[in-house]
N, C-alpha and C. Protein backbone atom coordinates (compact mmCIF):
# COMPACT_ATOMS: atom_id res chain seq x y z
N MET A 1 -13.11 1.03 -4.27
CA MET A 1 -12.42 0.37 -2.91
C MET A 1 -10.69 1.22 -2.64
N ALA A 2 -10.45 0.72 -2.07
CA ALA A 2 -8.96 1.00 -1.60
C ALA A 2 -7.77 1.30 -2.82
N SER A 3 -6.93 1.99 -3.04
CA SER A 3 -6.04 1.42 -4.48
C SER A 3 -4.89 0.36 -3.83
N GLU A 4 -4.98 -0.53 -4.71
CA GLU A 4 -3.14 -1.42 -3.92
C GLU A 4 -1.89 -0.79 -3.35
N GLN A 5 -1.22 -0.86 -1.84
CA GLN A 5 -0.54 -0.14 -1.79
C GLN A 5 1.09 -1.51 -2.08
N TRP A 6 2.30 -1.10 -1.58
CA TRP A 6 3.27 -2.02 -1.80
C TRP A 6 4.19 -1.53 -0.52
N ALA A 7 4.88 -2.29 -0.09
CA ALA A 7 5.99 -1.67 1.22
C ALA A 7 7.42 -2.44 1.05
N ARG A 8 8.74 -1.85 0.89
CA ARG A 8 9.48 -2.23 1.19
C ARG A 8 9.89 -2.09 2.34
N LEU A 9 10.83 -3.50 3.22
CA LEU A 9 11.79 -2.23 3.68
C LEU A 9 13.31 -1.34 3.24
N CYS A 10 13.59 0.17 4.30
CA CYS A 10 14.35 0.74 3.74
C CYS A 10 14.52 0.93 4.63
N LYS A 11 15.29 0.11 5.78
CA LYS A 11 16.53 -0.08 7.03
C LYS A 11 16.44 -1.66 6.91
N ASP A 12 17.11 -2.46 7.36
CA ASP A 12 17.98 -3.98 7.91
C ASP A 12 17.28 -4.18 8.46
N ARG A 13 15.89 -4.70 8.86
CA ARG A 13 15.48 -5.50 10.21
C ARG A 13 15.63 -7.06 10.05
N ALA A 14 15.37 -7.49 11.50
CA ALA A 14 14.96 -8.66 10.90
C ALA A 14 13.64 -9.21 11.44
N CYS A 15 13.03 -9.27 10.36
CA CYS A 15 11.34 -9.39 10.64
C CYS A 15 11.25 -10.00 9.52
N GLY A 16 11.49 -10.61 9.13
CA GLY A 16 11.07 -11.49 8.49
C GLY A 16 10.89 -11.05 7.26
N LEU A 17 11.06 -10.30 6.16
CA LEU A 17 11.51 -9.68 4.79
C LEU A 17 12.57 -9.64 4.75
N ARG A 18 13.02 -9.78 3.48
CA ARG A 18 13.98 -8.94 2.49
C ARG A 18 14.56 -7.73 2.33
N LEU A 19 15.28 -6.84 2.65
CA LEU A 19 15.99 -6.14 2.28
C LEU A 19 15.52 -5.42 0.57
N GLY A 20 14.83 -4.43 0.04
CA GLY A 20 14.84 -4.53 -1.64
C GLY A 20 13.78 -4.95 -1.88
N ALA A 21 13.14 -6.26 -1.66
CA ALA A 21 12.08 -6.94 -1.88
C ALA A 21 10.96 -6.10 -1.44
N TRP A 22 9.30 -6.13 -2.73
CA TRP A 22 8.46 -5.30 -2.57
C TRP A 22 7.33 -6.38 -2.40
N TYR A 23 6.21 -6.49 -1.08
CA TYR A 23 5.61 -6.72 -0.38
C TYR A 23 4.03 -6.24 0.00
N ARG A 24 3.65 -6.33 -1.23
CA ARG A 24 1.67 -6.55 -0.83
C ARG A 24 1.49 -5.74 0.47
N VAL A 25 0.95 -5.07 0.44
CA VAL A 25 0.25 -4.66 1.61
C VAL A 25 -0.95 -5.23 2.08
N ALA A 26 -1.08 -5.94 3.51
CA ALA A 26 -2.89 -6.51 3.59
C ALA A 26 -3.83 -5.44 4.02
N ARG A 27 -3.33 -4.50 4.91
CA ARG A 27 -4.10 -3.08 5.95
C ARG A 27 -2.61 -3.17 7.07
N THR A 28 -3.23 -1.25 7.29
CA THR A 28 -1.99 -0.50 7.72
C THR A 28 -2.97 -0.67 9.68
N GLU A 29 -2.61 -0.70 10.54
CA GLU A 29 -2.56 -0.76 11.75
C GLU A 29 -1.71 1.02 12.37
N LEU A 30 -2.56 1.63 13.15
CA LEU A 30 -1.47 2.71 14.00
C LEU A 30 -0.93 2.49 13.80
N ASP A 31 0.69 1.39 14.74
CA ASP A 31 2.24 2.01 14.75
C ASP A 31 2.65 0.71 13.32
N SER A 32 1.86 0.19 12.31
CA SER A 32 2.56 -1.04 11.73
C SER A 32 1.99 -1.15 10.47
N VAL A 33 2.59 -1.85 9.07
CA VAL A 33 1.66 -1.92 8.38
C VAL A 33 1.81 -4.22 8.35
N VAL A 34 0.73 -4.25 7.97
CA VAL A 34 0.71 -6.01 8.04
C VAL A 34 1.12 -6.03 6.15
N VAL A 35 1.89 -6.65 6.04
CA VAL A 35 2.29 -6.56 4.08
C VAL A 35 2.07 -8.63 4.48
N THR A 36 1.66 -8.68 2.64
CA THR A 36 1.50 -10.92 2.16
C THR A 36 2.81 -11.15 1.84
N VAL A 37 2.99 -12.04 2.78
CA VAL A 37 4.20 -13.08 2.74
C VAL A 37 4.03 -14.31 2.51
N GLY A 38 3.12 -14.45 1.24
CA GLY A 38 3.69 -15.83 0.69
C GLY A 38 2.01 -15.80 1.49
N ARG A 39 1.19 -16.52 1.90
CA ARG A 39 0.31 -17.21 2.67
C ARG A 39 0.24 -16.41 4.06
N ASN A 40 1.36 -16.15 4.35
CA ASN A 40 1.48 -15.74 5.67
C ASN A 40 1.11 -13.98 5.13
N GLU A 41 1.01 -13.20 7.26
CA GLU A 41 0.30 -11.69 7.19
C GLU A 41 1.69 -11.54 8.30
N ILE A 42 2.56 -10.70 8.03
CA ILE A 42 3.54 -10.24 8.92
C ILE A 42 3.93 -8.52 8.87
N PRO A 43 3.42 -8.55 10.54
CA PRO A 43 3.23 -6.54 10.82
C PRO A 43 4.99 -6.55 10.90
N VAL A 44 5.23 -4.90 10.68
CA VAL A 44 6.59 -4.85 10.60
C VAL A 44 6.10 -2.77 10.87
N SER A 45 7.01 -3.11 11.75
CA SER A 45 5.90 -0.92 12.17
C SER A 45 6.98 -0.13 11.42
N ARG A 46 6.49 0.63 11.17
CA ARG A 46 6.23 1.55 9.51
C ARG A 46 7.51 2.57 9.69
N ASP A 47 8.55 3.00 10.84
CA ASP A 47 9.50 3.67 9.91
C ASP A 47 10.67 2.81 9.68
N VAL A 48 10.21 1.56 9.37
CA VAL A 48 11.10 0.40 8.92
C VAL A 48 11.23 0.66 7.49
N LEU A 49 10.02 0.96 6.71
CA LEU A 49 9.61 0.58 5.44
C LEU A 49 9.53 1.67 4.55
N GLU A 50 9.51 1.76 3.25
CA GLU A 50 8.96 2.82 1.73
C GLU A 50 7.58 2.07 2.23
N ILE A 51 6.51 2.35 1.39
CA ILE A 51 5.41 2.16 1.14
C ILE A 51 4.66 3.15 0.03
N MET A 52 4.47 2.54 -1.49
CA MET A 52 3.57 2.98 -2.42
C MET A 52 2.48 2.93 -2.29
N GLY A 53 1.69 3.59 -3.18
CA GLY A 53 0.45 3.73 -3.49
C GLY A 53 0.22 2.77 -4.80
N MET A 54 1.06 2.30 -5.49
CA MET A 54 0.86 1.74 -6.79
C MET A 54 1.85 0.78 -6.34
N ARG A 55 2.03 -0.48 -7.47
CA ARG A 55 2.99 -2.00 -8.04
C ARG A 55 4.14 -0.81 -8.83
N PRO A 56 5.55 -1.39 -8.10
CA PRO A 56 6.30 -0.53 -8.34
C PRO A 56 6.63 -1.26 -9.40
N GLU A 57 7.09 -0.34 -10.45
CA GLU A 57 7.90 -1.14 -11.79
C GLU A 57 9.52 -1.61 -11.66
N VAL A 58 10.24 -1.63 -10.36
CA VAL A 58 11.93 -0.95 -10.66
C VAL A 58 11.75 -1.76 -9.33
N TRP A 59 12.69 -3.55 -9.68
CA TRP A 59 12.36 -4.05 -8.07
C TRP A 59 14.42 -3.79 -8.00
N SER A 60 14.41 -3.71 -6.46
CA SER A 60 15.52 -4.02 -6.44
C SER A 60 16.70 -5.15 -6.40
N VAL A 61 18.04 -5.20 -5.69
CA VAL A 61 18.52 -6.93 -5.90
C VAL A 61 19.56 -6.17 -4.68
N VAL A 62 19.08 -7.23 -3.82
CA VAL A 62 20.26 -6.20 -2.11
C VAL A 62 20.82 -7.20 -2.50
N ASP A 63 22.54 -7.39 -1.67
CA ASP A 63 22.79 -8.69 -1.26
C ASP A 63 22.18 -8.90 0.23
N ARG A 64 22.65 -10.63 0.74
CA ARG A 64 22.04 -10.22 1.56
C ARG A 64 22.97 -10.15 3.17
N SER A 65 22.58 -9.51 3.85
CA SER A 65 23.58 -9.40 4.90
C SER A 65 23.71 -11.18 5.70
N ILE A 66 24.43 -10.73 6.57
CA ILE A 66 24.39 -12.62 8.21
C ILE A 66 23.04 -11.93 8.81
N GLY A 67 22.53 -13.26 8.62
CA GLY A 67 21.50 -12.79 9.28
C GLY A 67 20.07 -13.07 8.68
N SER A 68 19.80 -12.92 7.40
CA SER A 68 19.27 -12.29 7.14
C SER A 68 17.93 -13.47 6.65
N ILE A 69 17.13 -13.71 5.84
CA ILE A 69 16.28 -14.95 5.80
C ILE A 69 15.80 -14.44 3.79
């Protein structure tokens, strides 16, 4: 069984994710990573993500920028 992976935005992008929040990786694809947000799966470009091979123990609090969700 593959180990659990987690990802978060490392660049502010309008892609449906919050900057600094960690999301469980559902699967990886050639140029993107599909993360689970609630019951939805959202593909995100690899170049804007930080990916970890284990559940993060430290979480970030990031101010919302204009246009974020």
